[in-house]
Amino acid sequence: MTGIVLAPELPLEEVFFLAFLCYLTMVVITGARLVLDRRGDRGSDR
């Protein structure tokens, strides 16, 4: 780690990790919705 702290016990990396965590979650959720919607459309065609 860089050793840079933004507050006591709060390293710089934590902010970037939280951004990654939130972004990953939203990409997974929207990606899963896209896959499920496409599967549902195929089911309707069938």
All heavy atoms as atom14 arrays in JSON, in Angstrom:
{
  "sequence": "MTGIVLAPELPLEEVFFLAFLCYLTMVVITGARLVLDRRGDRGSDR",
  "atom14_mask": [
    [1, 1, 1, 1, 1, 1, 1, 1, 0, 0, 0, 0, 0, 0],
    [1, 1, 1, 1, 1, 1, 1, 0, 0, 0, 0, 0, 0, 0],
    [1, 1, 1, 1, 0, 0, 0, 0, 0, 0, 0, 0, 0, 0],
    [1, 1, 1, 1, 1, 1, 1, 1, 0, 0, 0, 0, 0, 0],
    [1, 1, 1, 1, 1, 1, 1, 0, 0, 0, 0, 0, 0, 0],
    [1, 1, 1, 1, 1, 1, 1, 1, 0, 0, 0, 0, 0, 0],
    [1, 1, 1, 1, 1, 0, 0, 0, 0, 0, 0, 0, 0, 0],
    [1, 1, 1, 1, 1, 1, 1, 0, 0, 0, 0, 0, 0, 0],
    [1, 1, 1, 1, 1, 1, 1, 1, 1, 0, 0, 0, 0, 0],
    [1, 1, 1, 1, 1, 1, 1, 1, 0, 0, 0, 0, 0, 0],
    [1, 1, 1, 1, 1, 1, 1, 0, 0, 0, 0, 0, 0, 0],
    [1, 1, 1, 1, 1, 1, 1, 1, 0, 0, 0, 0, 0, 0],
    [1, 1, 1, 1, 1, 1, 1, 1, 1, 0, 0, 0, 0, 0],
    [1, 1, 1, 1, 1, 1, 1, 1, 1, 0, 0, 0, 0, 0],
    [1, 1, 1, 1, 1, 1, 1, 0, 0, 0, 0, 0, 0, 0],
    [1, 1, 1, 1, 1, 1, 1, 1, 1, 1, 1, 0, 0, 0],
    [1, 1, 1, 1, 1, 1, 1, 1, 1, 1, 1, 0, 0, 0],
    [1, 1, 1, 1, 1, 1, 1, 1, 0, 0, 0, 0, 0, 0],
    [1, 1, 1, 1, 1, 0, 0, 0, 0, 0, 0, 0, 0, 0],
    [1, 1, 1, 1, 1, 1, 1, 1, 1, 1, 1, 0, 0, 0],
    [1, 1, 1, 1, 1, 1, 1, 1, 0, 0, 0, 0, 0, 0],
    [1, 1, 1, 1, 1, 1, 0, 0, 0, 0, 0, 0, 0, 0],
    [1, 1, 1, 1, 1, 1, 1, 1, 1, 1, 1, 1, 0, 0],
    [1, 1, 1, 1, 1, 1, 1, 1, 0, 0, 0, 0, 0, 0],
    [1, 1, 1, 1, 1, 1, 1, 0, 0, 0, 0, 0, 0, 0],
    [1, 1, 1, 1, 1, 1, 1, 1, 0, 0, 0, 0, 0, 0],
    [1, 1, 1, 1, 1, 1, 1, 0, 0, 0, 0, 0, 0, 0],
    [1, 1, 1, 1, 1, 1, 1, 0, 0, 0, 0, 0, 0, 0],
    [1, 1, 1, 1, 1, 1, 1, 1, 0, 0, 0, 0, 0, 0],
    [1, 1, 1, 1, 1, 1, 1, 0, 0, 0, 0, 0, 0, 0],
    [1, 1, 1, 1, 0, 0, 0, 0, 0, 0, 0, 0, 0, 0],
    [1, 1, 1, 1, 1, 0, 0, 0, 0, 0, 0, 0, 0, 0],
    [1, 1, 1, 1, 1, 1, 1, 1, 1, 1, 1, 0, 0, 0],
    [1, 1, 1, 1, 1, 1, 1, 1, 0, 0, 0, 0, 0, 0],
    [1, 1, 1, 1, 1, 1, 1, 0, 0, 0, 0, 0, 0, 0],
    [1, 1, 1, 1, 1, 1, 1, 1, 0, 0, 0, 0, 0, 0],
    [1, 1, 1, 1, 1, 1, 1, 1, 0, 0, 0, 0, 0, 0],
    [1, 1, 1, 1, 1, 1, 1, 1, 1, 1, 1, 0, 0, 0],
    [1, 1, 1, 1, 1, 1, 1, 1, 1, 1, 1, 0, 0, 0],
    [1, 1, 1, 1, 0, 0, 0, 0, 0, 0, 0, 0, 0, 0],
    [1, 1, 1, 1, 1, 1, 1, 1, 0, 0, 0, 0, 0, 0],
    [1, 1, 1, 1, 1, 1, 1, 1, 1, 1, 1, 0, 0, 0],
    [1, 1, 1, 1, 0, 0, 0, 0, 0, 0, 0, 0, 0, 0],
    [1, 1, 1, 1, 1, 1, 0, 0, 0, 0, 0, 0, 0, 0],
    [1, 1, 1, 1, 1, 1, 1, 1, 0, 0, 0, 0, 0, 0],
    [1, 1, 1, 1, 1, 1, 1, 1, 1, 1, 1, 0, 0, 0]
  ],
  "atom14_positions": [
    [[0.83, -1.19, 0.0], [0.0, 0.0, 0.0], [0.87, 1.26, 0.0], [2.03, 1.22, 0.38], [-0.94, -0.01, 1.21], [-1.92, -1.18, 1.14], [-2.93, -1.43, 2.6], [-3.85, 0.07, 2.65], [0.0, 0.0, 0.0], [0.0, 0.0, 0.0], [0.0, 0.0, 0.0], [0.0, 0.0, 0.0], [0.0, 0.0, 0.0], [0.0, 0.0, 0.0]],
    [[0.26, 2.38, -0.41], [1.02, 3.63, -0.53], [1.42, 4.2, 0.82], [2.41, 4.93, 0.9], [0.2, 4.7, -1.27], [-0.98, 4.99, -0.53], [-0.14, 4.27, -2.68], [0.0, 0.0, 0.0], [0.0, 0.0, 0.0], [0.0, 0.0, 0.0], [0.0, 0.0, 0.0], [0.0, 0.0, 0.0], [0.0, 0.0, 0.0], [0.0, 0.0, 0.0]],
    [[0.66, 3.91, 1.86], [0.94, 4.5, 3.16], [0.25, 5.85, 3.35], [0.32, 6.44, 4.42], [0.0, 0.0, 0.0], [0.0, 0.0, 0.0], [0.0, 0.0, 0.0], [0.0, 0.0, 0.0], [0.0, 0.0, 0.0], [0.0, 0.0, 0.0], [0.0, 0.0, 0.0], [0.0, 0.0, 0.0], [0.0, 0.0, 0.0], [0.0, 0.0, 0.0]],
    [[-0.43, 6.33, 2.32], [-1.16, 7.59, 2.4], [-2.5, 7.32, 3.08], [-3.25, 6.43, 2.67], [-1.38, 8.2, 1.0], [-0.04, 8.47, 0.33], [-2.24, 9.46, 1.08], [-0.15, 8.83, -1.14], [0.0, 0.0, 0.0], [0.0, 0.0, 0.0], [0.0, 0.0, 0.0], [0.0, 0.0, 0.0], [0.0, 0.0, 0.0], [0.0, 0.0, 0.0]],
    [[-2.79, 8.09, 4.13], [-4.06, 7.94, 4.82], [-4.86, 9.24, 4.68], [-4.32, 10.33, 4.77], [-3.89, 7.58, 6.31], [-3.38, 6.16, 6.46], [-2.99, 8.54, 7.02], [0.0, 0.0, 0.0], [0.0, 0.0, 0.0], [0.0, 0.0, 0.0], [0.0, 0.0, 0.0], [0.0, 0.0, 0.0], [0.0, 0.0, 0.0], [0.0, 0.0, 0.0]],
    [[-6.16, 9.1, 4.41], [-7.04, 10.26, 4.25], [-7.61, 10.7, 5.59], [-7.99, 11.85, 5.76], [-8.17, 9.91, 3.29], [-7.72, 9.43, 1.9], [-8.91, 9.0, 1.07], [-6.92, 10.52, 1.2], [0.0, 0.0, 0.0], [0.0, 0.0, 0.0], [0.0, 0.0, 0.0], [0.0, 0.0, 0.0], [0.0, 0.0, 0.0], [0.0, 0.0, 0.0]],
    [[-7.71, 9.77, 6.5], [-8.15, 10.0, 7.87], [-7.5, 8.89, 8.7], [-6.98, 7.93, 8.12], [-9.67, 9.94, 7.96], [0.0, 0.0, 0.0], [0.0, 0.0, 0.0], [0.0, 0.0, 0.0], [0.0, 0.0, 0.0], [0.0, 0.0, 0.0], [0.0, 0.0, 0.0], [0.0, 0.0, 0.0], [0.0, 0.0, 0.0], [0.0, 0.0, 0.0]],
    [[-7.51, 9.01, 10.01], [-6.93, 7.92, 10.8], [-7.57, 6.57, 10.43], [-8.8, 6.46, 10.38], [-7.27, 8.31, 12.24], [-7.43, 9.8, 12.2], [-8.0, 10.11, 10.84], [0.0, 0.0, 0.0], [0.0, 0.0, 0.0], [0.0, 0.0, 0.0], [0.0, 0.0, 0.0], [0.0, 0.0, 0.0], [0.0, 0.0, 0.0], [0.0, 0.0, 0.0]],
    [[-6.74, 5.62, 10.09], [-7.15, 4.26, 9.74], [-7.87, 4.15, 8.39], [-8.45, 3.11, 8.08], [-8.03, 3.63, 10.83], [-7.41, 3.61, 12.21], [-6.13, 2.79, 12.3], [-6.01, 1.78, 11.58], [-5.26, 3.17, 13.1], [0.0, 0.0, 0.0], [0.0, 0.0, 0.0], [0.0, 0.0, 0.0], [0.0, 0.0, 0.0], [0.0, 0.0, 0.0]],
    [[-7.88, 5.22, 7.57], [-8.55, 5.2, 6.27], [-7.52, 5.44, 5.17], [-7.19, 6.58, 4.84], [-9.65, 6.27, 6.2], [-10.47, 6.28, 4.91], [-11.3, 5.0, 4.78], [-11.37, 7.5, 4.89], [0.0, 0.0, 0.0], [0.0, 0.0, 0.0], [0.0, 0.0, 0.0], [0.0, 0.0, 0.0], [0.0, 0.0, 0.0], [0.0, 0.0, 0.0]],
    [[-7.01, 4.36, 4.57], [-5.99, 4.51, 3.54], [-6.59, 5.01, 2.22], [-7.77, 4.83, 1.94], [-5.44, 3.09, 3.37], [-6.54, 2.2, 3.81], [-7.3, 2.96, 4.86], [0.0, 0.0, 0.0], [0.0, 0.0, 0.0], [0.0, 0.0, 0.0], [0.0, 0.0, 0.0], [0.0, 0.0, 0.0], [0.0, 0.0, 0.0], [0.0, 0.0, 0.0]],
    [[-5.77, 5.64, 1.43], [-6.16, 6.14, 0.11], [-6.79, 5.04, -0.74], [-7.79, 5.25, -1.42], [-4.92, 6.71, -0.61], [-5.09, 7.09, -2.07], [-6.02, 8.28, -2.2], [-3.74, 7.39, -2.69], [0.0, 0.0, 0.0], [0.0, 0.0, 0.0], [0.0, 0.0, 0.0], [0.0, 0.0, 0.0], [0.0, 0.0, 0.0], [0.0, 0.0, 0.0]],
    [[-6.23, 3.85, -0.68], [-6.7, 2.73, -1.5], [-8.16, 2.38, -1.21], [-8.87, 1.87, -2.08], [-5.83, 1.5, -1.27], [-4.43, 1.62, -1.78], [-3.47, 2.3, -0.8], [-3.9, 2.76, 0.27], [-2.27, 2.36, -1.11], [0.0, 0.0, 0.0], [0.0, 0.0, 0.0], [0.0, 0.0, 0.0], [0.0, 0.0, 0.0], [0.0, 0.0, 0.0]],
    [[-8.64, 2.67, -0.01], [-10.01, 2.31, 0.37], [-11.03, 3.01, -0.52], [-12.03, 2.41, -0.92], [-10.26, 2.65, 1.84], [-11.62, 2.23, 2.34], [-11.79, 0.73, 2.46], [-10.82, -0.02, 2.3], [-12.92, 0.29, 2.73], [0.0, 0.0, 0.0], [0.0, 0.0, 0.0], [0.0, 0.0, 0.0], [0.0, 0.0, 0.0], [0.0, 0.0, 0.0]],
    [[-10.8, 4.26, -0.84], [-11.73, 5.01, -1.68], [-11.82, 4.37, -3.07], [-12.91, 4.18, -3.61], [-11.31, 6.49, -1.79], [-12.24, 7.24, -2.75], [-11.3, 7.15, -0.42], [0.0, 0.0, 0.0], [0.0, 0.0, 0.0], [0.0, 0.0, 0.0], [0.0, 0.0, 0.0], [0.0, 0.0, 0.0], [0.0, 0.0, 0.0], [0.0, 0.0, 0.0]],
    [[-10.68, 4.01, -3.63], [-10.67, 3.38, -4.95], [-11.27, 1.98, -4.89], [-11.97, 1.56, -5.82], [-9.24, 3.34, -5.52], [-8.74, 4.69, -5.88], [-7.97, 5.42, -4.99], [-9.05, 5.25, -7.12], [-7.52, 6.68, -5.33], [-8.6, 6.51, -7.46], [-7.83, 7.24, -6.56], [0.0, 0.0, 0.0], [0.0, 0.0, 0.0], [0.0, 0.0, 0.0]],
    [[-11.03, 1.26, -3.81], [-11.63, -0.05, -3.66], [-13.16, 0.05, -3.57], [-13.89, -0.74, -4.19], [-11.1, -0.77, -2.42], [-11.8, -2.07, -2.15], [-11.56, -3.18, -2.93], [-12.74, -2.16, -1.14], [-12.24, -4.38, -2.72], [-13.42, -3.35, -0.91], [-13.17, -4.46, -1.7], [0.0, 0.0, 0.0], [0.0, 0.0, 0.0], [0.0, 0.0, 0.0]],
    [[-13.65, 1.03, -2.83], [-15.1, 1.21, -2.71], [-15.71, 1.6, -4.05], [-16.81, 1.13, -4.4], [-15.42, 2.26, -1.64], [-15.07, 1.85, -0.21], [-15.33, 3.02, 0.74], [-15.82, 0.61, 0.22], [0.0, 0.0, 0.0], [0.0, 0.0, 0.0], [0.0, 0.0, 0.0], [0.0, 0.0, 0.0], [0.0, 0.0, 0.0], [0.0, 0.0, 0.0]],
    [[-15.03, 2.43, -4.81], [-15.51, 2.78, -6.15], [-15.55, 1.53, -7.03], [-16.53, 1.3, -7.74], [-14.62, 3.85, -6.77], [0.0, 0.0, 0.0], [0.0, 0.0, 0.0], [0.0, 0.0, 0.0], [0.0, 0.0, 0.0], [0.0, 0.0, 0.0], [0.0, 0.0, 0.0], [0.0, 0.0, 0.0], [0.0, 0.0, 0.0], [0.0, 0.0, 0.0]],
    [[-14.5, 0.72, -6.96], [-14.48, -0.53, -7.73], [-15.63, -1.45, -7.29], [-16.34, -2.02, -8.12], [-13.14, -1.24, -7.57], [-13.15, -2.64, -8.11], [-13.16, -2.87, -9.48], [-13.18, -3.73, -7.26], [-13.2, -4.16, -9.99], [-13.21, -5.02, -7.76], [-13.23, -5.24, -9.13], [0.0, 0.0, 0.0], [0.0, 0.0, 0.0], [0.0, 0.0, 0.0]],
    [[-15.82, -1.59, -6.0], [-16.87, -2.47, -5.47], [-18.25, -2.03, -5.95], [-19.05, -2.86, -6.41], [-16.81, -2.48, -3.94], [-17.83, -3.33, -3.21], [-17.57, -4.8, -3.46], [-17.8, -3.03, -1.73], [0.0, 0.0, 0.0], [0.0, 0.0, 0.0], [0.0, 0.0, 0.0], [0.0, 0.0, 0.0], [0.0, 0.0, 0.0], [0.0, 0.0, 0.0]],
    [[-18.53, -0.75, -5.87], [-19.84, -0.24, -6.3], [-20.0, -0.39, -7.81], [-21.07, -0.8, -8.29], [-19.99, 1.23, -5.91], [-20.12, 1.47, -4.12], [0.0, 0.0, 0.0], [0.0, 0.0, 0.0], [0.0, 0.0, 0.0], [0.0, 0.0, 0.0], [0.0, 0.0, 0.0], [0.0, 0.0, 0.0], [0.0, 0.0, 0.0], [0.0, 0.0, 0.0]],
    [[-18.96, -0.1, -8.57], [-19.02, -0.2, -10.02], [-19.2, -1.66, -10.45], [-20.03, -1.98, -11.29], [-17.75, 0.39, -10.62], [-17.79, 0.68, -12.1], [-18.97, 0.86, -12.8], [-16.61, 0.79, -12.82], [-18.99, 1.14, -14.15], [-16.61, 1.08, -14.17], [-17.8, 1.25, -14.83], [-17.81, 1.53, -16.16], [0.0, 0.0, 0.0], [0.0, 0.0, 0.0]],
    [[-18.43, -2.55, -9.84], [-18.57, -3.98, -10.12], [-19.99, -4.46, -9.85], [-20.58, -5.18, -10.66], [-17.57, -4.78, -9.28], [-17.71, -6.3, -9.32], [-17.39, -6.83, -10.71], [-16.8, -6.93, -8.28], [0.0, 0.0, 0.0], [0.0, 0.0, 0.0], [0.0, 0.0, 0.0], [0.0, 0.0, 0.0], [0.0, 0.0, 0.0], [0.0, 0.0, 0.0]],
    [[-20.54, -4.05, -8.72], [-21.9, -4.47, -8.37], [-22.9, -4.01, -9.42], [-23.76, -4.79, -9.85], [-22.28, -3.9, -6.99], [-21.35, -4.4, -6.02], [-23.69, -4.3, -6.59], [0.0, 0.0, 0.0], [0.0, 0.0, 0.0], [0.0, 0.0, 0.0], [0.0, 0.0, 0.0], [0.0, 0.0, 0.0], [0.0, 0.0, 0.0], [0.0, 0.0, 0.0]],
    [[-22.78, -2.77, -9.86], [-23.74, -2.26, -10.85], [-23.55, -2.91, -12.21], [-24.52, -3.17, -12.92], [-23.65, -0.74, -10.94], [-24.1, -0.04, -9.67], [-25.67, -0.65, -8.96], [-26.81, -0.4, -10.29], [0.0, 0.0, 0.0], [0.0, 0.0, 0.0], [0.0, 0.0, 0.0], [0.0, 0.0, 0.0], [0.0, 0.0, 0.0], [0.0, 0.0, 0.0]],
    [[-22.31, -3.21, -12.58], [-22.07, -3.9, -13.85], [-22.64, -5.32, -13.79], [-23.27, -5.78, -14.74], [-20.57, -3.89, -14.21], [-20.24, -4.89, -15.3], [-20.13, -2.49, -14.62], [0.0, 0.0, 0.0], [0.0, 0.0, 0.0], [0.0, 0.0, 0.0], [0.0, 0.0, 0.0], [0.0, 0.0, 0.0], [0.0, 0.0, 0.0], [0.0, 0.0, 0.0]],
    [[-22.45, -6.0, -12.67], [-23.0, -7.35, -12.52], [-24.53, -7.32, -12.55], [-25.17, -8.14, -13.23], [-22.48, -8.02, -11.23], [-23.25, -9.29, -10.9], [-21.0, -8.33, -11.36], [0.0, 0.0, 0.0], [0.0, 0.0, 0.0], [0.0, 0.0, 0.0], [0.0, 0.0, 0.0], [0.0, 0.0, 0.0], [0.0, 0.0, 0.0], [0.0, 0.0, 0.0]],
    [[-25.13, -6.39, -11.83], [-26.6, -6.31, -11.78], [-27.16, -5.99, -13.16], [-28.09, -6.66, -13.63], [-27.05, -5.27, -10.75], [-26.81, -5.81, -9.34], [-28.53, -4.9, -10.94], [-27.03, -4.79, -8.25], [0.0, 0.0, 0.0], [0.0, 0.0, 0.0], [0.0, 0.0, 0.0], [0.0, 0.0, 0.0], [0.0, 0.0, 0.0], [0.0, 0.0, 0.0]],
    [[-26.61, -4.97, -13.82], [-27.15, -4.6, -15.14], [-26.83, -5.68, -16.18], [-27.64, -5.93, -17.07], [-26.64, -3.23, -15.6], [-25.21, -3.2, -15.55], [-27.2, -2.12, -14.72], [0.0, 0.0, 0.0], [0.0, 0.0, 0.0], [0.0, 0.0, 0.0], [0.0, 0.0, 0.0], [0.0, 0.0, 0.0], [0.0, 0.0, 0.0], [0.0, 0.0, 0.0]],
    [[-25.69, -6.33, -16.05], [-25.35, -7.42, -16.96], [-26.27, -8.61, -16.77], [-26.74, -9.21, -17.74], [0.0, 0.0, 0.0], [0.0, 0.0, 0.0], [0.0, 0.0, 0.0], [0.0, 0.0, 0.0], [0.0, 0.0, 0.0], [0.0, 0.0, 0.0], [0.0, 0.0, 0.0], [0.0, 0.0, 0.0], [0.0, 0.0, 0.0], [0.0, 0.0, 0.0]],
    [[-26.56, -8.95, -15.51], [-27.49, -10.06, -15.24], [-28.88, -9.73, -15.77], [-29.54, -10.59, -16.36], [-27.54, -10.33, -13.74], [0.0, 0.0, 0.0], [0.0, 0.0, 0.0], [0.0, 0.0, 0.0], [0.0, 0.0, 0.0], [0.0, 0.0, 0.0], [0.0, 0.0, 0.0], [0.0, 0.0, 0.0], [0.0, 0.0, 0.0], [0.0, 0.0, 0.0]],
    [[-29.3, -8.49, -15.6], [-30.62, -8.09, -16.11], [-30.66, -8.22, -17.63], [-31.64, -8.7, -18.19], [-30.92, -6.65, -15.69], [-32.3, -6.2, -16.16], [-32.64, -4.82, -15.67], [-32.77, -4.85, -14.21], [-32.42, -3.84, -13.43], [-31.91, -2.75, -13.94], [-32.59, -3.93, -12.14], [0.0, 0.0, 0.0], [0.0, 0.0, 0.0], [0.0, 0.0, 0.0]],
    [[-29.58, -7.82, -18.3], [-29.51, -7.93, -19.75], [-29.6, -9.38, -20.2], [-30.35, -9.72, -21.1], [-28.2, -7.29, -20.25], [-27.97, -7.29, -21.75], [-28.96, -6.36, -22.44], [-26.54, -6.84, -22.06], [0.0, 0.0, 0.0], [0.0, 0.0, 0.0], [0.0, 0.0, 0.0], [0.0, 0.0, 0.0], [0.0, 0.0, 0.0], [0.0, 0.0, 0.0]],
    [[-28.86, -10.26, -19.54], [-28.88, -11.69, -19.89], [-30.27, -12.27, -19.64], [-30.81, -12.98, -20.49], [-27.81, -12.46, -19.08], [-28.01, -13.96, -19.2], [-26.42, -12.07, -19.53], [0.0, 0.0, 0.0], [0.0, 0.0, 0.0], [0.0, 0.0, 0.0], [0.0, 0.0, 0.0], [0.0, 0.0, 0.0], [0.0, 0.0, 0.0], [0.0, 0.0, 0.0]],
    [[-30.86, -11.96, -18.5], [-32.19, -12.5, -18.19], [-33.25, -11.96, -19.14], [-34.15, -12.7, -19.54], [-32.55, -12.2, -16.74], [-31.72, -12.95, -15.7], [-32.06, -12.46, -14.3], [-31.91, -14.45, -15.82], [0.0, 0.0, 0.0], [0.0, 0.0, 0.0], [0.0, 0.0, 0.0], [0.0, 0.0, 0.0], [0.0, 0.0, 0.0], [0.0, 0.0, 0.0]],
    [[-33.15, -10.69, -19.5], [-34.1, -10.12, -20.46], [-33.98, -10.81, -21.82], [-34.98, -11.12, -22.45], [-33.89, -8.61, -20.63], [-34.38, -7.82, -19.44], [-35.06, -8.4, -18.56], [-34.06, -6.61, -19.37], [0.0, 0.0, 0.0], [0.0, 0.0, 0.0], [0.0, 0.0, 0.0], [0.0, 0.0, 0.0], [0.0, 0.0, 0.0], [0.0, 0.0, 0.0]],
    [[-32.76, -11.06, -22.24], [-32.55, -11.74, -23.53], [-33.06, -13.18, -23.48], [-33.63, -13.66, -24.44], [-31.08, -11.7, -23.94], [-30.67, -10.33, -24.41], [-29.27, -10.31, -24.92], [-28.93, -8.97, -25.38], [-27.72, -8.61, -25.73], [-26.72, -9.48, -25.69], [-27.48, -7.39, -26.12], [0.0, 0.0, 0.0], [0.0, 0.0, 0.0], [0.0, 0.0, 0.0]],
    [[-32.85, -13.84, -22.36], [-33.37, -15.21, -22.23], [-34.89, -15.2, -22.24], [-35.51, -16.08, -22.82], [-32.87, -15.85, -20.93], [-31.4, -16.18, -20.97], [-30.98, -16.81, -19.68], [-30.85, -18.23, -19.91], [-30.83, -19.13, -18.97], [-30.96, -18.77, -17.72], [-30.67, -20.4, -19.26], [0.0, 0.0, 0.0], [0.0, 0.0, 0.0], [0.0, 0.0, 0.0]],
    [[-35.48, -14.2, -21.6], [-36.93, -14.08, -21.58], [-37.48, -13.82, -22.96], [-38.52, -14.37, -23.34], [0.0, 0.0, 0.0], [0.0, 0.0, 0.0], [0.0, 0.0, 0.0], [0.0, 0.0, 0.0], [0.0, 0.0, 0.0], [0.0, 0.0, 0.0], [0.0, 0.0, 0.0], [0.0, 0.0, 0.0], [0.0, 0.0, 0.0], [0.0, 0.0, 0.0]],
    [[-36.78, -13.0, -23.76], [-37.22, -12.75, -25.13], [-37.17, -14.03, -25.95], [-38.06, -14.31, -26.74], [-36.34, -11.69, -25.8], [-36.61, -10.3, -25.23], [-37.64, -10.13, -24.55], [-35.77, -9.39, -25.46], [0.0, 0.0, 0.0], [0.0, 0.0, 0.0], [0.0, 0.0, 0.0], [0.0, 0.0, 0.0], [0.0, 0.0, 0.0], [0.0, 0.0, 0.0]],
    [[-36.13, -14.82, -25.77], [-36.03, -16.09, -26.49], [-37.15, -17.03, -26.09], [-37.7, -17.74, -26.9], [-34.68, -16.75, -26.23], [-33.59, -16.18, -27.07], [-32.38, -17.08, -27.04], [-31.22, -16.23, -26.97], [-30.16, -16.45, -26.25], [-30.08, -17.54, -25.53], [-29.15, -15.61, -26.24], [0.0, 0.0, 0.0], [0.0, 0.0, 0.0], [0.0, 0.0, 0.0]],
    [[-37.47, -17.02, -24.8], [-38.57, -17.85, -24.32], [-39.88, -17.43, -24.95], [-40.7, -18.26, -25.33], [0.0, 0.0, 0.0], [0.0, 0.0, 0.0], [0.0, 0.0, 0.0], [0.0, 0.0, 0.0], [0.0, 0.0, 0.0], [0.0, 0.0, 0.0], [0.0, 0.0, 0.0], [0.0, 0.0, 0.0], [0.0, 0.0, 0.0], [0.0, 0.0, 0.0]],
    [[-40.09, -16.14, -25.11], [-41.32, -15.64, -25.75], [-41.36, -16.08, -27.2], [-42.41, -16.47, -27.7], [-41.38, -14.12, -25.67], [-41.42, -13.71, -24.33], [0.0, 0.0, 0.0], [0.0, 0.0, 0.0], [0.0, 0.0, 0.0], [0.0, 0.0, 0.0], [0.0, 0.0, 0.0], [0.0, 0.0, 0.0], [0.0, 0.0, 0.0], [0.0, 0.0, 0.0]],
    [[-40.22, -16.01, -27.91], [-40.17, -16.46, -29.31], [-40.48, -17.94, -29.39], [-41.22, -18.38, -30.27], [-38.78, -16.2, -29.91], [-38.49, -14.72, -30.11], [-39.46, -13.93, -30.08], [-37.31, -14.36, -30.27], [0.0, 0.0, 0.0], [0.0, 0.0, 0.0], [0.0, 0.0, 0.0], [0.0, 0.0, 0.0], [0.0, 0.0, 0.0], [0.0, 0.0, 0.0]],
    [[-39.94, -18.71, -28.47], [-40.18, -20.15, -28.46], [-41.66, -20.43, -28.22], [-42.26, -21.26, -28.89], [-39.33, -20.8, -27.36], [-39.31, -22.29, -27.44], [-38.36, -22.94, -26.44], [-37.4, -22.03, -25.87], [-37.15, -21.92, -24.57], [-37.76, -22.69, -23.71], [-36.26, -21.08, -24.11], [0.0, 0.0, 0.0], [0.0, 0.0, 0.0], [0.0, 0.0, 0.0]]
  ]
}
